[in-house]
Every structure is written in C-alpha cells, then in structure tokens.
C-alpha cells in the first residue's frame, strides 16, 4: 500500500474552492492595498487563487489581532483553544472583523 500524503493543502478540496463565477479572478486592488492598524481585529479568510502568504487551513475563519507588519504581510495573533499562535499573513487573506470580540 502507498502511504497517504499529508501536504500543506491536504483535505482542502471543499474548503479552498471558489464560486464558479469567481474562479480565476484576480482580487480587487483595494483588497490588496487594504491597510490594517496594530490592534485591529481581522478574520482570516483564505483566497485560494493567491498562494503567496497563505496561512494553513486550520486558521481559515479564525479571528485574530494585528500585532505588526513584516514587509507586505501582517503579523497576526490567533487563539487556538488554550494556545496563542503568531502567524504571518498577507492582506489578500485578511478581512476586517465587524463583530464584537471579548478578550
């Protein structure tokens, strides 16, 4: 038997698919140039058409706090269970969080 491969994007067939009308589309320039300030809450929303600066699929849909900037990317602090992780994500995969966040 062949061993099951466990690459970076395994089990993302449904998670990282786009709507039929969105496929192949380059994101809006305003989305790429969006600026976030330190302390802003953001949602990690992976754009599958852009591979650069893409976080792991476990962070998709999570809410994090901007800690700073590194080049074009942002340093985001995310809570997973009882652990805090610091990840580096480009703005194409981030969206402003409009809900209420406690803690």
PDB file of N, CA and C in Angstrom:
ATOM      1  N   UNK A   1       0.836  -1.199   0.000  1.00  0.00           N
ATOM      2  CA  UNK A   1       0.000   0.000   0.000  1.00  0.00           C
ATOM      3  C   UNK A   1       0.876   1.256   0.000  1.00  0.00           C
ATOM      4  N   UNK A   2       0.325   2.295  -0.561  1.00  0.00           N
ATOM      5  CA  UNK A   2       1.039   3.569  -0.627  1.00  0.00           C
ATOM      6  C   UNK A   2       0.626   4.424   0.561  1.00  0.00           C
ATOM      7  N   UNK A   3       1.592   5.071   1.143  1.00  0.00           N
ATOM      8  CA  UNK A   3       1.329   5.917   2.302  1.00  0.00           C
ATOM      9  C   UNK A   3       0.561   7.174   1.884  1.00  0.00           C
ATOM     10  N   UNK A   4      -0.402   7.569   2.696  1.00  0.00           N
ATOM     11  CA  UNK A   4      -1.221   8.758   2.436  1.00  0.00           C
ATOM     12  C   UNK A   4      -0.361  10.015   2.556  1.00  0.00           C
ATOM     13  N   UNK A   5      -0.399  10.863   1.537  1.00  0.00           N
ATOM     14  CA  UNK A   5       0.405  12.089   1.591  1.00  0.00           C
ATOM     15  C   UNK A   5      -0.281  13.115   2.487  1.00  0.00           C
ATOM     16  N   UNK A   6       0.526  13.837   3.219  1.00  0.00           N
ATOM     17  CA  UNK A   6      -0.008  14.842   4.145  1.00  0.00           C
ATOM     18  C   UNK A   6       0.646  16.181   3.853  1.00  0.00           C
ATOM     19  N   UNK A   7       0.349  16.729   2.694  1.00  0.00           N
ATOM     20  CA  UNK A   7       0.920  18.007   2.281  1.00  0.00           C
ATOM     21  C   UNK A   7       0.262  19.179   2.977  1.00  0.00           C
ATOM     22  N   UNK A   8       0.696  20.363   2.616  1.00  0.00           N
ATOM     23  CA  UNK A   8       0.232  21.597   3.251  1.00  0.00           C
ATOM     24  C   UNK A   8      -1.248  21.867   2.997  1.00  0.00           C
ATOM     25  N   UNK A   9      -1.742  21.422   1.828  1.00  0.00           N
ATOM     26  CA  UNK A   9      -3.131  21.715   1.474  1.00  0.00           C
ATOM     27  C   UNK A   9      -4.018  20.470   1.436  1.00  0.00           C
ATOM     28  N   UNK A  10      -3.662  19.436   2.204  1.00  0.00           N
ATOM     29  CA  UNK A  10      -4.497  18.237   2.225  1.00  0.00           C
ATOM     30  C   UNK A  10      -5.842  18.545   2.843  1.00  0.00           C
ATOM     31  N   UNK A  11      -6.879  17.865   2.362  1.00  0.00           N
ATOM     32  CA  UNK A  11      -8.261  17.984   2.847  1.00  0.00           C
ATOM     33  C   UNK A  11      -8.811  19.397   2.692  1.00  0.00           C
ATOM     34  N   UNK A  12      -8.429  20.087   1.641  1.00  0.00           N
ATOM     35  CA  UNK A  12      -8.931  21.439   1.414  1.00  0.00           C
ATOM     36  C   UNK A  12      -9.801  21.506   0.160  1.00  0.00           C
ATOM     37  N   UNK A  13     -10.217  20.356  -0.362  1.00  0.00           N
ATOM     38  CA  UNK A  13     -10.955  20.322  -1.620  1.00  0.00           C
ATOM     39  C   UNK A  13     -12.206  21.198  -1.565  1.00  0.00           C
ATOM     40  N   UNK A  14     -12.967  21.112  -0.503  1.00  0.00           N
ATOM     41  CA  UNK A  14     -14.187  21.901  -0.374  1.00  0.00           C
ATOM     42  C   UNK A  14     -13.899  23.258   0.282  1.00  0.00           C
ATOM     43  N   UNK A  15     -12.962  23.263   1.205  1.00  0.00           N
ATOM     44  CA  UNK A  15     -12.658  24.478   1.969  1.00  0.00           C
ATOM     45  C   UNK A  15     -12.078  25.578   1.080  1.00  0.00           C
ATOM     46  N   UNK A  16     -11.163  25.221   0.193  1.00  0.00           N
ATOM     47  CA  UNK A  16     -10.495  26.216  -0.638  1.00  0.00           C
ATOM     48  C   UNK A  16     -10.987  26.170  -2.084  1.00  0.00           C
ATOM     49  N   UNK A  17     -12.294  26.157  -2.275  1.00  0.00           N
ATOM     50  CA  UNK A  17     -12.852  26.261  -3.625  1.00  0.00           C
ATOM     51  C   UNK A  17     -13.639  27.549  -3.723  1.00  0.00           C
ATOM     52  N   UNK A  18     -13.667  28.085  -4.932  1.00  0.00           N
ATOM     53  CA  UNK A  18     -14.383  29.332  -5.169  1.00  0.00           C
ATOM     54  C   UNK A  18     -15.696  29.065  -5.888  1.00  0.00           C
ATOM     55  N   UNK A  19     -16.549  30.052  -5.881  1.00  0.00           N
ATOM     56  CA  UNK A  19     -17.783  30.034  -6.652  1.00  0.00           C
ATOM     57  C   UNK A  19     -17.408  29.982  -8.133  1.00  0.00           C
ATOM     58  N   UNK A  20     -18.253  29.423  -8.972  1.00  0.00           N
ATOM     59  CA  UNK A  20     -17.952  29.281 -10.393  1.00  0.00           C
ATOM     60  C   UNK A  20     -17.640  30.629 -11.041  1.00  0.00           C
ATOM     61  N   UNK A  21     -18.351  31.663 -10.673  1.00  0.00           N
ATOM     62  CA  UNK A  21     -18.164  32.985 -11.282  1.00  0.00           C
ATOM     63  C   UNK A  21     -16.935  33.718 -10.743  1.00  0.00           C
ATOM     64  N   UNK A  22     -16.386  33.247  -9.646  1.00  0.00           N
ATOM     65  CA  UNK A  22     -15.199  33.877  -9.060  1.00  0.00           C
ATOM     66  C   UNK A  22     -13.907  33.219  -9.506  1.00  0.00           C
ATOM     67  N   UNK A  23     -13.995  32.073 -10.159  1.00  0.00           N
ATOM     68  CA  UNK A  23     -12.795  31.298 -10.472  1.00  0.00           C
ATOM     69  C   UNK A  23     -11.859  32.037 -11.421  1.00  0.00           C
ATOM     70  N   UNK A  24     -10.582  32.024 -11.094  1.00  0.00           N
ATOM     71  CA  UNK A  24      -9.569  32.650 -11.928  1.00  0.00           C
ATOM     72  C   UNK A  24      -9.509  34.155 -11.801  1.00  0.00           C
ATOM     73  N   UNK A  25     -10.402  34.720 -11.034  1.00  0.00           N
ATOM     74  CA  UNK A  25     -10.455  36.175 -10.916  1.00  0.00           C
ATOM     75  C   UNK A  25      -9.330  36.684 -10.025  1.00  0.00           C
ATOM     76  N   UNK A  26      -8.716  37.752 -10.444  1.00  0.00           N
ATOM     77  CA  UNK A  26      -7.694  38.410  -9.647  1.00  0.00           C
ATOM     78  C   UNK A  26      -8.427  39.302  -8.650  1.00  0.00           C
ATOM     79  N   UNK A  27      -8.023  39.302  -7.383  1.00  0.00           N
ATOM     80  CA  UNK A  27      -8.745  40.113  -6.401  1.00  0.00           C
ATOM     81  C   UNK A  27      -8.644  41.604  -6.709  1.00  0.00           C
ATOM     82  N   UNK A  28      -9.626  42.324  -6.205  1.00  0.00           N
ATOM     83  CA  UNK A  28      -9.659  43.776  -6.411  1.00  0.00           C
ATOM     84  C   UNK A  28      -8.402  44.418  -5.825  1.00  0.00           C
ATOM     85  N   UNK A  29      -7.953  45.471  -6.445  1.00  0.00           N
ATOM     86  CA  UNK A  29      -6.750  46.158  -5.993  1.00  0.00           C
ATOM     87  C   UNK A  29      -6.948  46.739  -4.599  1.00  0.00           C
ATOM     88  N   UNK A  30      -8.171  47.172  -4.299  1.00  0.00           N
ATOM     89  CA  UNK A  30      -8.453  47.733  -2.979  1.00  0.00           C
ATOM     90  C   UNK A  30      -8.278  46.679  -1.886  1.00  0.00           C
ATOM     91  N   UNK A  31      -8.545  45.414  -2.231  1.00  0.00           N
ATOM     92  CA  UNK A  31      -8.372  44.325  -1.274  1.00  0.00           C
ATOM     93  C   UNK A  31      -6.897  44.099  -0.976  1.00  0.00           C
ATOM     94  N   UNK A  32      -6.054  44.242  -2.005  1.00  0.00           N
ATOM     95  CA  UNK A  32      -4.618  44.041  -1.832  1.00  0.00           C
ATOM     96  C   UNK A  32      -3.957  45.197  -1.091  1.00  0.00           C
ATOM     97  N   UNK A  33      -4.507  46.379  -1.250  1.00  0.00           N
ATOM     98  CA  UNK A  33      -3.897  47.573  -0.667  1.00  0.00           C
ATOM     99  C   UNK A  33      -4.517  47.964   0.665  1.00  0.00           C
ATOM    100  N   UNK A  34      -5.400  47.138   1.200  1.00  0.00           N
ATOM    101  CA  UNK A  34      -6.067  47.468   2.458  1.00  0.00           C
ATOM    102  C   UNK A  34      -5.047  47.526   3.592  1.00  0.00           C
ATOM    103  N   UNK A  35      -5.121  48.580   4.371  1.00  0.00           N
ATOM    104  CA  UNK A  35      -4.191  48.782   5.480  1.00  0.00           C
ATOM    105  C   UNK A  35      -4.867  48.426   6.799  1.00  0.00           C
ATOM    106  N   UNK A  36      -4.153  47.728   7.642  1.00  0.00           N
ATOM    107  CA  UNK A  36      -4.638  47.384   8.973  1.00  0.00           C
ATOM    108  C   UNK A  36      -3.708  48.025   9.991  1.00  0.00           C
ATOM    109  N   UNK A  37      -4.294  48.509  11.078  1.00  0.00           N
ATOM    110  CA  UNK A  37      -3.504  49.118  12.144  1.00  0.00           C
ATOM    111  C   UNK A  37      -3.248  48.085  13.239  1.00  0.00           C
ATOM    112  N   UNK A  38      -2.245  48.340  14.030  1.00  0.00           N
ATOM    113  CA  UNK A  38      -1.926  47.462  15.142  1.00  0.00           C
ATOM    114  C   UNK A  38      -3.099  47.459  16.128  1.00  0.00           C
ATOM    115  N   UNK A  39      -3.531  46.282  16.532  1.00  0.00           N
ATOM    116  CA  UNK A  39      -4.655  46.155  17.453  1.00  0.00           C
ATOM    117  C   UNK A  39      -5.985  45.906  16.766  1.00  0.00           C
ATOM    118  N   UNK A  40      -6.035  45.994  15.432  1.00  0.00           N
ATOM    119  CA  UNK A  40      -7.270  45.720  14.685  1.00  0.00           C
ATOM    120  C   UNK A  40      -7.591  44.233  14.738  1.00  0.00           C
ATOM    121  N   UNK A  41      -8.882  43.938  14.802  1.00  0.00           N
ATOM    122  CA  UNK A  41      -9.334  42.550  14.719  1.00  0.00           C
ATOM    123  C   UNK A  41      -9.596  42.211  13.259  1.00  0.00           C
ATOM    124  N   UNK A  42      -9.108  41.058  12.827  1.00  0.00           N
ATOM    125  CA  UNK A  42      -9.272  40.623  11.441  1.00  0.00           C
ATOM    126  C   UNK A  42      -9.734  39.171  11.406  1.00  0.00           C
ATOM    127  N   UNK A  43     -10.430  38.823  10.316  1.00  0.00           N
ATOM    128  CA  UNK A  43     -10.833  37.443  10.064  1.00  0.00           C
ATOM    129  C   UNK A  43      -9.891  36.888   9.018  1.00  0.00           C
ATOM    130  N   UNK A  44      -9.385  35.692   9.241  1.00  0.00           N
ATOM    131  CA  UNK A  44      -8.520  35.051   8.258  1.00  0.00           C
ATOM    132  C   UNK A  44      -9.428  34.327   7.268  1.00  0.00           C
ATOM    133  N   UNK A  45      -9.442  34.854   6.055  1.00  0.00           N
ATOM    134  CA  UNK A  45     -10.332  34.371   5.008  1.00  0.00           C
ATOM    135  C   UNK A  45      -9.447  34.046   3.805  1.00  0.00           C
ATOM    136  N   UNK A  46      -9.084  32.779   3.654  1.00  0.00           N
ATOM    137  CA  UNK A  46      -8.099  32.374   2.651  1.00  0.00           C
ATOM    138  C   UNK A  46      -8.643  32.554   1.245  1.00  0.00           C
ATOM    139  N   UNK A  47      -7.846  33.214   0.403  1.00  0.00           N
ATOM    140  CA  UNK A  47      -8.158  33.357  -1.019  1.00  0.00           C
ATOM    141  C   UNK A  47      -7.345  32.294  -1.751  1.00  0.00           C
ATOM    142  N   UNK A  48      -7.994  31.220  -2.256  1.00  0.00           N
ATOM    143  CA  UNK A  48      -7.243  30.106  -2.827  1.00  0.00           C
ATOM    144  C   UNK A  48      -6.510  30.417  -4.130  1.00  0.00           C
ATOM    145  N   UNK A  49      -6.868  31.514  -4.799  1.00  0.00           N
ATOM    146  CA  UNK A  49      -6.201  31.833  -6.064  1.00  0.00           C
ATOM    147  C   UNK A  49      -4.839  32.483  -5.852  1.00  0.00           C
ATOM    148  N   UNK A  50      -4.549  32.909  -4.629  1.00  0.00           N
ATOM    149  CA  UNK A  50      -3.259  33.523  -4.317  1.00  0.00           C
ATOM    150  C   UNK A  50      -2.554  32.634  -3.300  1.00  0.00           C
ATOM    151  N   UNK A  51      -1.431  32.044  -3.712  1.00  0.00           N
ATOM    152  CA  UNK A  51      -0.737  31.099  -2.849  1.00  0.00           C
ATOM    153  C   UNK A  51       0.264  31.774  -1.932  1.00  0.00           C
ATOM    154  N   UNK A  52       0.750  32.948  -2.334  1.00  0.00           N
ATOM    155  CA  UNK A  52       1.771  33.635  -1.557  1.00  0.00           C
ATOM    156  C   UNK A  52       1.160  34.204  -0.272  1.00  0.00           C
ATOM    157  N   UNK A  53       1.810  33.947   0.833  1.00  0.00           N
ATOM    158  CA  UNK A  53       1.343  34.477   2.115  1.00  0.00           C
ATOM    159  C   UNK A  53       0.084  33.822   2.612  1.00  0.00           C
ATOM    160  N   UNK A  54      -0.211  32.610   2.127  1.00  0.00           N
ATOM    161  CA  UNK A  54      -1.424  31.896   2.526  1.00  0.00           C
ATOM    162  C   UNK A  54      -1.183  31.163   3.843  1.00  0.00           C
ATOM    163  N   UNK A  55      -2.053  31.373   4.835  1.00  0.00           N
ATOM    164  CA  UNK A  55      -1.892  30.635   6.091  1.00  0.00           C
ATOM    165  C   UNK A  55      -2.385  29.197   5.950  1.00  0.00           C
ATOM    166  N   UNK A  56      -2.112  28.379   6.938  1.00  0.00           N
ATOM    167  CA  UNK A  56      -2.572  26.996   6.940  1.00  0.00           C
ATOM    168  C   UNK A  56      -4.091  26.971   7.051  1.00  0.00           C
ATOM    169  N   UNK A  57      -4.695  25.910   6.570  1.00  0.00           N
ATOM    170  CA  UNK A  57      -6.153  25.832   6.532  1.00  0.00           C
ATOM    171  C   UNK A  57      -6.793  25.825   7.915  1.00  0.00           C
ATOM    172  N   UNK A  58      -6.033  25.444   8.949  1.00  0.00           N
ATOM    173  CA  UNK A  58      -6.607  25.414  10.296  1.00  0.00           C
ATOM    174  C   UNK A  58      -6.973  26.812  10.797  1.00  0.00           C
ATOM    175  N   UNK A  59      -6.406  27.859  10.184  1.00  0.00           N
ATOM    176  CA  UNK A  59      -6.684  29.224  10.610  1.00  0.00           C
ATOM    177  C   UNK A  59      -7.832  29.874   9.831  1.00  0.00           C
ATOM    178  N   UNK A  60      -8.358  29.193   8.813  1.00  0.00           N
ATOM    179  CA  UNK A  60      -9.430  29.744   7.977  1.00  0.00           C
ATOM    180  C   UNK A  60     -10.673  30.006   8.826  1.00  0.00           C
ATOM    181  N   UNK A  61     -11.148  31.237   8.819  1.00  0.00           N
ATOM    182  CA  UNK A  61     -12.342  31.616   9.579  1.00  0.00           C
ATOM    183  C   UNK A  61     -12.054  32.080  10.991  1.00  0.00           C
ATOM    184  N   UNK A  62     -10.817  32.012  11.422  1.00  0.00           N
ATOM    185  CA  UNK A  62     -10.471  32.427  12.782  1.00  0.00           C
ATOM    186  C   UNK A  62     -10.303  33.947  12.858  1.00  0.00           C
ATOM    187  N   UNK A  63     -10.535  34.479  14.048  1.00  0.00           N
ATOM    188  CA  UNK A  63     -10.374  35.914  14.287  1.00  0.00           C
ATOM    189  C   UNK A  63      -9.058  36.126  15.019  1.00  0.00           C
ATOM    190  N   UNK A  64      -8.288  37.100  14.555  1.00  0.00           N
ATOM    191  CA  UNK A  64      -7.005  37.396  15.167  1.00  0.00           C
ATOM    192  C   UNK A  64      -6.806  38.886  15.359  1.00  0.00           C
ATOM    193  N   UNK A  65      -5.716  39.234  15.999  1.00  0.00           N
ATOM    194  CA  UNK A  65      -5.369  40.632  16.266  1.00  0.00           C
ATOM    195  C   UNK A  65      -4.068  40.951  15.554  1.00  0.00           C
ATOM    196  N   UNK A  66      -4.046  42.085  14.861  1.00  0.00           N
ATOM    197  CA  UNK A  66      -2.833  42.532  14.175  1.00  0.00           C
ATOM    198  C   UNK A  66      -1.816  42.980  15.219  1.00  0.00           C
ATOM    199  N   UNK A  67      -0.615  42.420  15.137  1.00  0.00           N
ATOM    200  CA  UNK A  67       0.445  42.803  16.064  1.00  0.00           C
ATOM    201  C   UNK A  67       1.459  43.733  15.422  1.00  0.00           C
ATOM    202  N   UNK A  68       1.602  43.633  14.122  1.00  0.00           N
ATOM    203  CA  UNK A  68       2.566  44.471  13.431  1.00  0.00           C
ATOM    204  C   UNK A  68       2.610  44.100  11.966  1.00  0.00           C
ATOM    205  N   UNK A  69       3.643  44.620  11.296  1.00  0.00           N
ATOM    206  CA  UNK A  69       3.781  44.387   9.874  1.00  0.00           C
ATOM    207  C   UNK A  69       5.174  43.852   9.589  1.00  0.00           C
ATOM    208  N   UNK A  70       5.274  42.958   8.598  1.00  0.00           N
ATOM    209  CA  UNK A  70       6.563  42.442   8.174  1.00  0.00           C
ATOM    210  C   UNK A  70       6.556  42.445   6.655  1.00  0.00           C
ATOM    211  N   UNK A  71       7.187  43.451   6.077  1.00  0.00           N
ATOM    212  CA  UNK A  71       7.143  43.625   4.625  1.00  0.00           C
ATOM    213  C   UNK A  71       5.735  43.981   4.213  1.00  0.00           C
ATOM    214  N   UNK A  72       5.175  43.237   3.245  1.00  0.00           N
ATOM    215  CA  UNK A  72       3.790  43.457   2.828  1.00  0.00           C
ATOM    216  C   UNK A  72       2.811  42.701   3.717  1.00  0.00           C
ATOM    217  N   UNK A  73       3.308  41.729   4.465  1.00  0.00           N
ATOM    218  CA  UNK A  73       2.460  40.866   5.281  1.00  0.00           C
ATOM    219  C   UNK A  73       2.257  41.448   6.680  1.00  0.00           C
ATOM    220  N   UNK A  74       1.278  40.868   7.363  1.00  0.00           N
ATOM    221  CA  UNK A  74       0.956  41.277   8.726  1.00  0.00           C
ATOM    222  C   UNK A  74       1.219  40.134   9.689  1.00  0.00           C
ATOM    223  N   UNK A  75       1.623  40.506  10.901  1.00  0.00           N
ATOM    224  CA  UNK A  75       1.819  39.530  11.965  1.00  0.00           C
ATOM    225  C   UNK A  75       0.510  39.504  12.751  1.00  0.00           C
ATOM    226  N   UNK A  76      -0.127  38.330  12.795  1.00  0.00           N
ATOM    227  CA  UNK A  76      -1.450  38.186  13.402  1.00  0.00           C
ATOM    228  C   UNK A  76      -1.362  37.196  14.553  1.00  0.00           C
ATOM    229  N   UNK A  77      -1.948  37.569  15.688  1.00  0.00           N
ATOM    230  CA  UNK A  77      -2.018  36.693  16.855  1.00  0.00           C
ATOM    231  C   UNK A  77      -3.398  36.034  16.879  1.00  0.00           C
ATOM    232  N   UNK A  78      -3.409  34.696  16.855  1.00  0.00           N
ATOM    233  CA  UNK A  78      -4.651  33.927  16.795  1.00  0.00           C
ATOM    234  C   UNK A  78      -4.697  32.991  17.982  1.00  0.00           C
ATOM    235  N   UNK A  79      -5.889  32.798  18.563  1.00  0.00           N
ATOM    236  CA  UNK A  79      -6.064  31.863  19.654  1.00  0.00           C
ATOM    237  C   UNK A  79      -6.663  30.572  19.123  1.00  0.00           C
ATOM    238  N   UNK A  80      -5.991  29.456  19.384  1.00  0.00           N
ATOM    239  CA  UNK A  80      -6.491  28.126  19.024  1.00  0.00           C
ATOM    240  C   UNK A  80      -6.650  27.334  20.313  1.00  0.00           C
ATOM    241  N   UNK A  81      -7.867  27.206  20.778  1.00  0.00           N
ATOM    242  CA  UNK A  81      -8.094  26.525  22.048  1.00  0.00           C
ATOM    243  C   UNK A  81      -7.500  27.336  23.177  1.00  0.00           C
ATOM    244  N   UNK A  82      -6.554  26.742  23.909  1.00  0.00           N
ATOM    245  CA  UNK A  82      -5.912  27.457  25.008  1.00  0.00           C
ATOM    246  C   UNK A  82      -4.535  27.977  24.628  1.00  0.00           C
ATOM    247  N   UNK A  83      -4.177  27.863  23.326  1.00  0.00           N
ATOM    248  CA  UNK A  83      -2.869  28.324  22.871  1.00  0.00           C
ATOM    249  C   UNK A  83      -3.007  29.583  22.030  1.00  0.00           C
ATOM    250  N   UNK A  84      -1.961  30.404  22.056  1.00  0.00           N
ATOM    251  CA  UNK A  84      -1.900  31.575  21.190  1.00  0.00           C
ATOM    252  C   UNK A  84      -0.816  31.350  20.155  1.00  0.00           C
ATOM    253  N   UNK A  85      -1.163  31.575  18.898  1.00  0.00           N
ATOM    254  CA  UNK A  85      -0.219  31.393  17.806  1.00  0.00           C
ATOM    255  C   UNK A  85       0.018  32.740  17.142  1.00  0.00           C
ATOM    256  N   UNK A  86       1.212  32.916  16.613  1.00  0.00           N
ATOM    257  CA  UNK A  86       1.547  34.113  15.852  1.00  0.00           C
ATOM    258  C   UNK A  86       1.856  33.657  14.434  1.00  0.00           C
ATOM    259  N   UNK A  87       1.081  34.166  13.471  1.00  0.00           N
ATOM    260  CA  UNK A  87       1.268  33.769  12.075  1.00  0.00           C
ATOM    261  C   UNK A  87       1.495  35.000  11.221  1.00  0.00           C
ATOM    262  N   UNK A  88       2.095  34.797  10.061  1.00  0.00           N
ATOM    263  CA  UNK A  88       2.371  35.876   9.119  1.00  0.00           C
ATOM    264  C   UNK A  88       1.482  35.665   7.903  1.00  0.00           C
ATOM    265  N   UNK A  89       0.621  36.651   7.630  1.00  0.00           N
ATOM    266  CA  UNK A  89      -0.382  36.522   6.582  1.00  0.00           C
ATOM    267  C   UNK A  89      -0.397  37.782   5.733  1.00  0.00           C
ATOM    268  N   UNK A  90      -0.516  37.600   4.420  1.00  0.00           N
ATOM    269  CA  UNK A  90      -0.628  38.751   3.530  1.00  0.00           C
ATOM    270  C   UNK A  90      -2.060  39.267   3.516  1.00  0.00           C
ATOM    271  N   UNK A  91      -2.268  40.555   3.167  1.00  0.00           N
ATOM    272  CA  UNK A  91      -3.600  41.170   3.278  1.00  0.00           C
ATOM    273  C   UNK A  91      -4.661  40.561   2.366  1.00  0.00           C
ATOM    274  N   UNK A  92      -4.275  39.804   1.325  1.00  0.00           N
ATOM    275  CA  UNK A  92      -5.258  39.175   0.457  1.00  0.00           C
ATOM    276  C   UNK A  92      -6.081  38.136   1.209  1.00  0.00           C
ATOM    277  N   UNK A  93      -5.534  37.631   2.314  1.00  0.00           N
ATOM    278  CA  UNK A  93      -6.191  36.575   3.069  1.00  0.00           C
ATOM    279  C   UNK A  93      -6.807  37.103   4.363  1.00  0.00           C
ATOM    280  N   UNK A  94      -6.896  38.413   4.501  1.00  0.00           N
ATOM    281  CA  UNK A  94      -7.454  39.019   5.705  1.00  0.00           C
ATOM    282  C   UNK A  94      -8.672  39.866   5.357  1.00  0.00           C
ATOM    283  N   UNK A  95      -9.603  39.969   6.292  1.00  0.00           N
ATOM    284  CA  UNK A  95     -10.771  40.839   6.154  1.00  0.00           C
ATOM    285  C   UNK A  95     -11.037  41.473   7.511  1.00  0.00           C
ATOM    286  N   UNK A  96     -11.531  42.705   7.500  1.00  0.00           N
ATOM    287  CA  UNK A  96     -11.821  43.390   8.750  1.00  0.00           C
ATOM    288  C   UNK A  96     -12.937  42.648   9.489  1.00  0.00           C
ATOM    289  N   UNK A  97     -12.807  42.596  10.818  1.00  0.00           N
ATOM    290  CA  UNK A  97     -13.810  41.934  11.668  1.00  0.00           C
ATOM    291  C   UNK A  97     -14.758  42.999  12.186  1.00  0.00           C
ATOM    292  N   UNK A  98     -16.042  42.820  11.927  1.00  0.00           N
ATOM    293  CA  UNK A  98     -17.033  43.828  12.311  1.00  0.00           C
ATOM    294  C   UNK A  98     -17.831  43.445  13.553  1.00  0.00           C
ATOM    295  N   UNK A  99     -17.678  42.230  14.049  1.00  0.00           N
ATOM    296  CA  UNK A  99     -18.425  41.767  15.218  1.00  0.00           C
ATOM    297  C   UNK A  99     -17.807  42.248  16.507  1.00  0.00           C
ATOM    298  N   UNK A 100     -18.374  41.822  17.587  1.00  0.00           N
ATOM    299  CA  UNK A 100     -17.881  42.186  18.912  1.00  0.00           C
ATOM    300  C   UNK A 100     -16.992  41.055  19.409  1.00  0.00           C
ATOM    301  N   UNK A 101     -15.795  41.396  19.840  1.00  0.00           N
ATOM    302  CA  UNK A 101     -14.833  40.399  20.314  1.00  0.00           C
ATOM    303  C   UNK A 101     -14.520  40.692  21.756  1.00  0.00           C
ATOM    304  N   UNK A 102     -14.704  39.690  22.622  1.00  0.00           N
ATOM    305  CA  UNK A 102     -14.370  39.842  24.043  1.00  0.00           C
ATOM    306  C   UNK A 102     -13.056  39.141  24.327  1.00  0.00           C
ATOM    307  N   UNK A 103     -12.149  39.840  24.999  1.00  0.00           N
ATOM    308  CA  UNK A 103     -10.881  39.234  25.385  1.00  0.00           C
ATOM    309  C   UNK A 103      -9.941  39.277  24.304  1.00  0.00           C
TER     310      UNK A 103
END
